[in-house]
PDB file of N, CA and C in Angstrom:
ATOM      1  N   MET A   1      -6.071 -18.509  10.726  1.00  0.00           N
ATOM      2  CA  MET A   1      -6.861 -17.291  10.764  1.00  0.00           C
ATOM      3  C   MET A   1      -6.256 -16.224   9.853  1.00  0.00           C
ATOM      4  N   LEU A   2      -4.957 -16.109   9.824  1.00  0.00           N
ATOM      5  CA  LEU A   2      -4.293 -15.099   9.014  1.00  0.00           C
ATOM      6  C   LEU A   2      -4.494 -15.355   7.525  1.00  0.00           C
ATOM      7  N   LYS A   3      -4.435 -16.622   7.104  1.00  0.00           N
ATOM      8  CA  LYS A   3      -4.627 -16.962   5.700  1.00  0.00           C
ATOM      9  C   LYS A   3      -6.041 -16.610   5.244  1.00  0.00           C
ATOM     10  N   GLU A   4      -7.033 -16.871   6.090  1.00  0.00           N
ATOM     11  CA  GLU A   4      -8.416 -16.564   5.747  1.00  0.00           C
ATOM     12  C   GLU A   4      -8.606 -15.065   5.554  1.00  0.00           C
ATOM     13  N   GLU A   5      -8.026 -14.273   6.433  1.00  0.00           N
ATOM     14  CA  GLU A   5      -8.151 -12.821   6.347  1.00  0.00           C
ATOM     15  C   GLU A   5      -7.465 -12.297   5.099  1.00  0.00           C
ATOM     16  N   LYS A   6      -6.290 -12.805   4.788  1.00  0.00           N
ATOM     17  CA  LYS A   6      -5.560 -12.378   3.603  1.00  0.00           C
ATOM     18  C   LYS A   6      -6.332 -12.748   2.341  1.00  0.00           C
ATOM     19  N   SER A   7      -6.912 -13.935   2.318  1.00  0.00           N
ATOM     20  CA  SER A   7      -7.693 -14.388   1.177  1.00  0.00           C
ATOM     21  C   SER A   7      -8.921 -13.510   0.970  1.00  0.00           C
ATOM     22  N   ARG A   8      -9.575 -13.157   2.062  1.00  0.00           N
ATOM     23  CA  ARG A   8     -10.772 -12.327   1.974  1.00  0.00           C
ATOM     24  C   ARG A   8     -10.444 -10.932   1.464  1.00  0.00           C
ATOM     25  N   LEU A   9      -9.326 -10.373   1.901  1.00  0.00           N
ATOM     26  CA  LEU A   9      -8.949  -9.023   1.505  1.00  0.00           C
ATOM     27  C   LEU A   9      -8.428  -8.958   0.079  1.00  0.00           C
ATOM     28  N   SER A  10      -7.814 -10.015  -0.405  1.00  0.00           N
ATOM     29  CA  SER A  10      -7.240  -9.986  -1.743  1.00  0.00           C
ATOM     30  C   SER A  10      -8.314  -9.994  -2.820  1.00  0.00           C
ATOM     31  N   GLY A  11      -9.480 -10.501  -2.516  1.00  0.00           N
ATOM     32  CA  GLY A  11     -10.576 -10.514  -3.472  1.00  0.00           C
ATOM     33  C   GLY A  11     -10.510 -11.701  -4.397  1.00  0.00           C
ATOM     34  N   LYS A  12     -11.683 -12.171  -4.759  1.00  0.00           N
ATOM     35  CA  LYS A  12     -11.771 -13.305  -5.661  1.00  0.00           C
ATOM     36  C   LYS A  12     -11.934 -12.792  -7.084  1.00  0.00           C
ATOM     37  N   LYS A  13     -11.260 -13.431  -8.011  1.00  0.00           N
ATOM     38  CA  LYS A  13     -11.385 -13.022  -9.407  1.00  0.00           C
ATOM     39  C   LYS A  13     -12.789 -13.336  -9.894  1.00  0.00           C
ATOM     40  N   ASN A  14     -13.432 -12.336 -10.486  1.00  0.00           N
ATOM     41  CA  ASN A  14     -14.779 -12.540 -10.981  1.00  0.00           C
ATOM     42  C   ASN A  14     -15.008 -11.900 -12.346  1.00  0.00           C
ATOM     43  N   MET A  15     -13.910 -11.571 -13.050  1.00  0.00           N
ATOM     44  CA  MET A  15     -14.010 -10.949 -14.364  1.00  0.00           C
ATOM     45  C   MET A  15     -13.303 -11.805 -15.406  1.00  0.00           C
ATOM     46  N   GLY A  16     -14.015 -12.083 -16.482  1.00  0.00           N
ATOM     47  CA  GLY A  16     -13.446 -12.839 -17.581  1.00  0.00           C
ATOM     48  C   GLY A  16     -12.612 -11.952 -18.489  1.00  0.00           C
ATOM     49  N   THR A  17     -11.972 -12.565 -19.458  1.00  0.00           N
ATOM     50  CA  THR A  17     -11.072 -11.852 -20.359  1.00  0.00           C
ATOM     51  C   THR A  17     -11.807 -10.789 -21.171  1.00  0.00           C
ATOM     52  N   ILE A  18     -12.955 -11.118 -21.708  1.00  0.00           N
ATOM     53  CA  ILE A  18     -13.700 -10.147 -22.520  1.00  0.00           C
ATOM     54  C   ILE A  18     -14.104  -8.947 -21.677  1.00  0.00           C
ATOM     55  N   ASP A  19     -14.573  -9.169 -20.485  1.00  0.00           N
ATOM     56  CA  ASP A  19     -14.957  -8.094 -19.569  1.00  0.00           C
ATOM     57  C   ASP A  19     -13.763  -7.177 -19.301  1.00  0.00           C
ATOM     58  N   ARG A  20     -12.613  -7.771 -19.035  1.00  0.00           N
ATOM     59  CA  ARG A  20     -11.406  -6.991 -18.747  1.00  0.00           C
ATOM     60  C   ARG A  20     -10.970  -6.168 -19.954  1.00  0.00           C
ATOM     61  N   VAL A  21     -11.001  -6.762 -21.144  1.00  0.00           N
ATOM     62  CA  VAL A  21     -10.579  -6.064 -22.358  1.00  0.00           C
ATOM     63  C   VAL A  21     -11.528  -4.905 -22.669  1.00  0.00           C
ATOM     64  N   VAL A  22     -12.825  -5.140 -22.535  1.00  0.00           N
ATOM     65  CA  VAL A  22     -13.803  -4.079 -22.806  1.00  0.00           C
ATOM     66  C   VAL A  22     -13.598  -2.908 -21.854  1.00  0.00           C
ATOM     67  N   ARG A  23     -13.399  -3.193 -20.576  1.00  0.00           N
ATOM     68  CA  ARG A  23     -13.163  -2.123 -19.598  1.00  0.00           C
ATOM     69  C   ARG A  23     -11.897  -1.337 -19.934  1.00  0.00           C
ATOM     70  N   PHE A  24     -10.852  -2.051 -20.330  1.00  0.00           N
ATOM     71  CA  PHE A  24      -9.601  -1.392 -20.691  1.00  0.00           C
ATOM     72  C   PHE A  24      -9.800  -0.488 -21.908  1.00  0.00           C
ATOM     73  N   LEU A  25     -10.493  -0.991 -22.927  1.00  0.00           N
ATOM     74  CA  LEU A  25     -10.721  -0.201 -24.139  1.00  0.00           C
ATOM     75  C   LEU A  25     -11.601   1.020 -23.871  1.00  0.00           C
ATOM     76  N   VAL A  26     -12.600   0.879 -23.012  1.00  0.00           N
ATOM     77  CA  VAL A  26     -13.439   2.028 -22.648  1.00  0.00           C
ATOM     78  C   VAL A  26     -12.595   3.081 -21.927  1.00  0.00           C
ATOM     79  N   ALA A  27     -11.705   2.649 -21.040  1.00  0.00           N
ATOM     80  CA  ALA A  27     -10.834   3.591 -20.329  1.00  0.00           C
ATOM     81  C   ALA A  27      -9.914   4.316 -21.307  1.00  0.00           C
ATOM     82  N   VAL A  28      -9.376   3.596 -22.274  1.00  0.00           N
ATOM     83  CA  VAL A  28      -8.509   4.216 -23.286  1.00  0.00           C
ATOM     84  C   VAL A  28      -9.305   5.217 -24.122  1.00  0.00           C
ATOM     85  N   LEU A  29     -10.525   4.854 -24.508  1.00  0.00           N
ATOM     86  CA  LEU A  29     -11.377   5.758 -25.280  1.00  0.00           C
ATOM     87  C   LEU A  29     -11.660   7.039 -24.499  1.00  0.00           C
ATOM     88  N   ILE A  30     -11.964   6.913 -23.221  1.00  0.00           N
ATOM     89  CA  ILE A  30     -12.211   8.098 -22.390  1.00  0.00           C
ATOM     90  C   ILE A  30     -10.959   8.964 -22.311  1.00  0.00           C
ATOM     91  N   ALA A  31      -9.794   8.339 -22.171  1.00  0.00           N
ATOM     92  CA  ALA A  31      -8.538   9.098 -22.133  1.00  0.00           C
ATOM     93  C   ALA A  31      -8.312   9.847 -23.442  1.00  0.00           C
ATOM     94  N   ILE A  32      -8.573   9.197 -24.558  1.00  0.00           N
ATOM     95  CA  ILE A  32      -8.405   9.851 -25.863  1.00  0.00           C
ATOM     96  C   ILE A  32      -9.352  11.038 -25.985  1.00  0.00           C
ATOM     97  N   LEU A  33     -10.602  10.847 -25.586  1.00  0.00           N
ATOM     98  CA  LEU A  33     -11.568  11.946 -25.644  1.00  0.00           C
ATOM     99  C   LEU A  33     -11.140  13.114 -24.758  1.00  0.00           C
ATOM    100  N   TYR A  34     -10.588  12.804 -23.594  1.00  0.00           N
ATOM    101  CA  TYR A  34     -10.140  13.859 -22.681  1.00  0.00           C
ATOM    102  C   TYR A  34      -8.948  14.624 -23.255  1.00  0.00           C
ATOM    103  N   PHE A  35      -7.951  13.902 -23.736  1.00  0.00           N
ATOM    104  CA  PHE A  35      -6.739  14.558 -24.215  1.00  0.00           C
ATOM    105  C   PHE A  35      -6.916  15.262 -25.554  1.00  0.00           C
ATOM    106  N   THR A  36      -7.994  14.970 -26.267  1.00  0.00           N
ATOM    107  CA  THR A  36      -8.293  15.706 -27.505  1.00  0.00           C
ATOM    108  C   THR A  36      -9.354  16.784 -27.258  1.00  0.00           C
ATOM    109  N   ASP A  37      -9.623  17.073 -25.992  1.00  0.00           N
ATOM    110  CA  ASP A  37     -10.575  18.111 -25.566  1.00  0.00           C
ATOM    111  C   ASP A  37     -11.995  17.887 -26.087  1.00  0.00           C
ATOM    112  N   GLN A  38     -12.383  16.639 -26.274  1.00  0.00           N
ATOM    113  CA  GLN A  38     -13.749  16.322 -26.673  1.00  0.00           C
ATOM    114  C   GLN A  38     -14.676  16.308 -25.458  1.00  0.00           C
ATOM    115  N   ILE A  39     -14.119  16.013 -24.281  1.00  0.00           N
ATOM    116  CA  ILE A  39     -14.894  16.099 -23.040  1.00  0.00           C
ATOM    117  C   ILE A  39     -14.141  17.020 -22.085  1.00  0.00           C
ATOM    118  N   THR A  40     -14.893  17.862 -21.401  1.00  0.00           N
ATOM    119  CA  THR A  40     -14.301  18.818 -20.459  1.00  0.00           C
ATOM    120  C   THR A  40     -15.230  18.982 -19.268  1.00  0.00           C
ATOM    121  N   GLY A  41     -14.744  19.693 -18.273  1.00  0.00           N
ATOM    122  CA  GLY A  41     -15.568  20.035 -17.115  1.00  0.00           C
ATOM    123  C   GLY A  41     -15.986  18.843 -16.278  1.00  0.00           C
ATOM    124  N   ILE A  42     -17.229  18.888 -15.822  1.00  0.00           N
ATOM    125  CA  ILE A  42     -17.768  17.849 -14.947  1.00  0.00           C
ATOM    126  C   ILE A  42     -17.787  16.493 -15.659  1.00  0.00           C
ATOM    127  N   ALA A  43     -18.130  16.482 -16.940  1.00  0.00           N
ATOM    128  CA  ALA A  43     -18.164  15.221 -17.695  1.00  0.00           C
ATOM    129  C   ALA A  43     -16.776  14.573 -17.706  1.00  0.00           C
ATOM    130  N   ALA A  44     -15.738  15.385 -17.860  1.00  0.00           N
ATOM    131  CA  ALA A  44     -14.374  14.854 -17.868  1.00  0.00           C
ATOM    132  C   ALA A  44     -14.010  14.259 -16.508  1.00  0.00           C
ATOM    133  N   ILE A  45     -14.433  14.913 -15.448  1.00  0.00           N
ATOM    134  CA  ILE A  45     -14.136  14.419 -14.099  1.00  0.00           C
ATOM    135  C   ILE A  45     -14.861  13.090 -13.850  1.00  0.00           C
ATOM    136  N   ILE A  46     -16.137  13.044 -14.183  1.00  0.00           N
ATOM    137  CA  ILE A  46     -16.917  11.828 -13.954  1.00  0.00           C
ATOM    138  C   ILE A  46     -16.408  10.681 -14.817  1.00  0.00           C
ATOM    139  N   LEU A  47     -16.227  10.932 -16.112  1.00  0.00           N
ATOM    140  CA  LEU A  47     -15.747   9.873 -17.001  1.00  0.00           C
ATOM    141  C   LEU A  47     -14.312   9.471 -16.662  1.00  0.00           C
ATOM    142  N   GLY A  48     -13.499  10.432 -16.242  1.00  0.00           N
ATOM    143  CA  GLY A  48     -12.130  10.116 -15.824  1.00  0.00           C
ATOM    144  C   GLY A  48     -12.111   9.204 -14.612  1.00  0.00           C
ATOM    145  N   THR A  49     -13.021   9.446 -13.680  1.00  0.00           N
ATOM    146  CA  THR A  49     -13.138   8.590 -12.499  1.00  0.00           C
ATOM    147  C   THR A  49     -13.526   7.170 -12.908  1.00  0.00           C
ATOM    148  N   PHE A  50     -14.488   7.056 -13.815  1.00  0.00           N
ATOM    149  CA  PHE A  50     -14.882   5.734 -14.313  1.00  0.00           C
ATOM    150  C   PHE A  50     -13.715   5.048 -15.019  1.00  0.00           C
ATOM    151  N   ALA A  51     -12.965   5.811 -15.802  1.00  0.00           N
ATOM    152  CA  ALA A  51     -11.828   5.232 -16.532  1.00  0.00           C
ATOM    153  C   ALA A  51     -10.793   4.667 -15.567  1.00  0.00           C
ATOM    154  N   VAL A  52     -10.502   5.401 -14.507  1.00  0.00           N
ATOM    155  CA  VAL A  52      -9.533   4.924 -13.514  1.00  0.00           C
ATOM    156  C   VAL A  52     -10.059   3.664 -12.833  1.00  0.00           C
ATOM    157  N   MET A  53     -11.330   3.657 -12.479  1.00  0.00           N
ATOM    158  CA  MET A  53     -11.915   2.464 -11.849  1.00  0.00           C
ATOM    159  C   MET A  53     -11.894   1.275 -12.806  1.00  0.00           C
ATOM    160  N   PHE A  54     -12.194   1.527 -14.084  1.00  0.00           N
ATOM    161  CA  PHE A  54     -12.165   0.448 -15.070  1.00  0.00           C
ATOM    162  C   PHE A  54     -10.758  -0.126 -15.216  1.00  0.00           C
ATOM    163  N   LEU A  55      -9.742   0.741 -15.231  1.00  0.00           N
ATOM    164  CA  LEU A  55      -8.364   0.257 -15.341  1.00  0.00           C
ATOM    165  C   LEU A  55      -7.967  -0.579 -14.132  1.00  0.00           C
ATOM    166  N   ILE A  56      -8.286  -0.096 -12.949  1.00  0.00           N
ATOM    167  CA  ILE A  56      -7.923  -0.825 -11.724  1.00  0.00           C
ATOM    168  C   ILE A  56      -8.607  -2.180 -11.682  1.00  0.00           C
ATOM    169  N   THR A  57      -9.906  -2.198 -11.948  1.00  0.00           N
ATOM    170  CA  THR A  57     -10.628  -3.477 -11.874  1.00  0.00           C
ATOM    171  C   THR A  57     -10.195  -4.433 -12.976  1.00  0.00           C
ATOM    172  N   SER A  58      -9.853  -3.912 -14.155  1.00  0.00           N
ATOM    173  CA  SER A  58      -9.431  -4.822 -15.215  1.00  0.00           C
ATOM    174  C   SER A  58      -8.070  -5.439 -14.903  1.00  0.00           C
ATOM    175  N   PHE A  59      -7.183  -4.703 -14.270  1.00  0.00           N
ATOM    176  CA  PHE A  59      -5.882  -5.268 -13.909  1.00  0.00           C
ATOM    177  C   PHE A  59      -5.983  -6.212 -12.712  1.00  0.00           C
ATOM    178  N   MET A  60      -6.940  -5.971 -11.823  1.00  0.00           N
ATOM    179  CA  MET A  60      -7.127  -6.846 -10.657  1.00  0.00           C
ATOM    180  C   MET A  60      -7.955  -8.081 -10.993  1.00  0.00           C
ATOM    181  N   SER A  61      -8.664  -8.064 -12.112  1.00  0.00           N
ATOM    182  CA  SER A  61      -9.578  -9.139 -12.528  1.00  0.00           C
ATOM    183  C   SER A  61     -10.705  -9.342 -11.526  1.00  0.00           C
ATOM    184  N   SER A  62     -11.031  -8.293 -10.808  1.00  0.00           N
ATOM    185  CA  SER A  62     -12.071  -8.391  -9.796  1.00  0.00           C
ATOM    186  C   SER A  62     -12.850  -7.083  -9.738  1.00  0.00           C
ATOM    187  N   CYS A  63     -14.165  -7.191  -9.770  1.00  0.00           N
ATOM    188  CA  CYS A  63     -15.025  -6.022  -9.659  1.00  0.00           C
ATOM    189  C   CYS A  63     -15.770  -6.090  -8.331  1.00  0.00           C
ATOM    190  N   PRO A  64     -15.551  -5.144  -7.438  1.00  0.00           N
ATOM    191  CA  PRO A  64     -16.227  -5.163  -6.141  1.00  0.00           C
ATOM    192  C   PRO A  64     -17.752  -5.100  -6.255  1.00  0.00           C
ATOM    193  N   LEU A  65     -18.277  -4.481  -7.301  1.00  0.00           N
ATOM    194  CA  LEU A  65     -19.730  -4.396  -7.457  1.00  0.00           C
ATOM    195  C   LEU A  65     -20.346  -5.741  -7.833  1.00  0.00           C
ATOM    196  N   TYR A  66     -19.543  -6.662  -8.377  1.00  0.00           N
ATOM    197  CA  TYR A  66     -20.055  -7.987  -8.725  1.00  0.00           C
ATOM    198  C   TYR A  66     -20.258  -8.851  -7.474  1.00  0.00           C
ATOM    199  N   LEU A  67     -19.497  -8.586  -6.413  1.00  0.00           N
ATOM    200  CA  LEU A  67     -19.544  -9.435  -5.225  1.00  0.00           C
ATOM    201  C   LEU A  67     -20.917  -9.494  -4.564  1.00  0.00           C
ATOM    202  N   PRO A  68     -21.561  -8.368  -4.212  1.00  0.00           N
ATOM    203  CA  PRO A  68     -22.868  -8.471  -3.551  1.00  0.00           C
ATOM    204  C   PRO A  68     -23.940  -9.067  -4.467  1.00  0.00           C
ATOM    205  N   LEU A  69     -23.752  -8.914  -5.778  1.00  0.00           N
ATOM    206  CA  LEU A  69     -24.718  -9.448  -6.735  1.00  0.00           C
ATOM    207  C   LEU A  69     -24.393 -10.888  -7.129  1.00  0.00           C
ATOM    208  N   LYS A  70     -23.268 -11.388  -6.632  1.00  0.00           N
ATOM    209  CA  LYS A  70     -22.799 -12.750  -6.914  1.00  0.00           C
ATOM    210  C   LYS A  70     -22.693 -13.007  -8.418  1.00  0.00           C
ATOM    211  N   LEU A  71     -22.137 -12.021  -9.129  1.00  0.00           N
ATOM    212  CA  LEU A  71     -21.941 -12.131 -10.560  1.00  0.00           C
ATOM    213  C   LEU A  71     -20.506 -12.533 -10.862  1.00  0.00           C
ATOM    214  N   SER A  72     -20.321 -13.178 -11.996  1.00  0.00           N
ATOM    215  CA  SER A  72     -18.992 -13.523 -12.478  1.00  0.00           C
ATOM    216  C   SER A  72     -19.068 -13.641 -13.982  1.00  0.00           C
ATOM    217  N   THR A  73     -18.070 -13.088 -14.678  1.00  0.00           N
ATOM    218  CA  THR A  73     -18.023 -13.190 -16.134  1.00  0.00           C
ATOM    219  C   THR A  73     -16.958 -14.179 -16.579  1.00  0.00           C
ATOM    220  N   ILE A  74     -16.447 -14.943 -15.647  1.00  0.00           N
ATOM    221  CA  ILE A  74     -15.450 -15.970 -15.958  1.00  0.00           C
ATOM    222  C   ILE A  74     -16.184 -17.187 -16.519  1.00  0.00           C
ATOM    223  N   LYS A  75     -15.692 -17.681 -17.649  1.00  0.00           N
ATOM    224  CA  LYS A  75     -16.304 -18.869 -18.246  1.00  0.00           C
ATOM    225  C   LYS A  75     -16.052 -20.079 -17.362  1.00  0.00           C
ATOM    226  N   LYS A  76     -17.069 -20.873 -17.229  1.00  0.00           N
ATOM    227  CA  LYS A  76     -16.941 -22.100 -16.448  1.00  0.00           C
ATOM    228  C   LYS A  76     -16.414 -23.199 -17.370  1.00  0.00           C
ATOM    229  N   SER A  77     -15.502 -24.020 -16.848  1.00  0.00           N
ATOM    230  CA  SER A  77     -14.944 -25.105 -17.657  1.00  0.00           C
ATOM    231  C   SER A  77     -15.912 -26.281 -17.712  1.00  0.00           C
ATOM    232  N   ASN A  78     -15.818 -27.064 -18.757  1.00  0.00           N
ATOM    233  CA  ASN A  78     -16.684 -28.231 -18.930  1.00  0.00           C
ATOM    234  C   ASN A  78     -16.090 -29.478 -18.317  1.00  0.00           C
ATOM    235  N   LYS A  79     -14.989 -29.343 -17.587  1.00  0.00           N
ATOM    236  CA  LYS A  79     -14.303 -30.478 -16.993  1.00  0.00           C
ATOM    237  C   LYS A  79     -14.997 -30.982 -15.730  1.00  0.00           C
ATOM    238  N   ASP A  80     -15.966 -30.219 -15.191  1.00  0.00           N
ATOM    239  CA  ASP A  80     -16.608 -30.602 -13.923  1.00  0.00           C
ATOM    240  C   ASP A  80     -17.373 -31.862 -14.027  1.00  0.00           C
TER     241      ASP A  80
END
């Protein structure tokens, strides 16, 4: 029972390499725009929040929004 609960909480990987890299690059772009004062105010707060979420999900290789939609960007192997 404990293993099942731990597995469920850890999350299943559902993001491929390209998805992770794109999210990371978008987060870096938002950071650059923020630190060069290209975005300010509410836009900076909203985009900053997205950037943080993109960084977290790219490092975890799992997007919680993909789970209910049963999406995955991981390439399937042809070995099946």
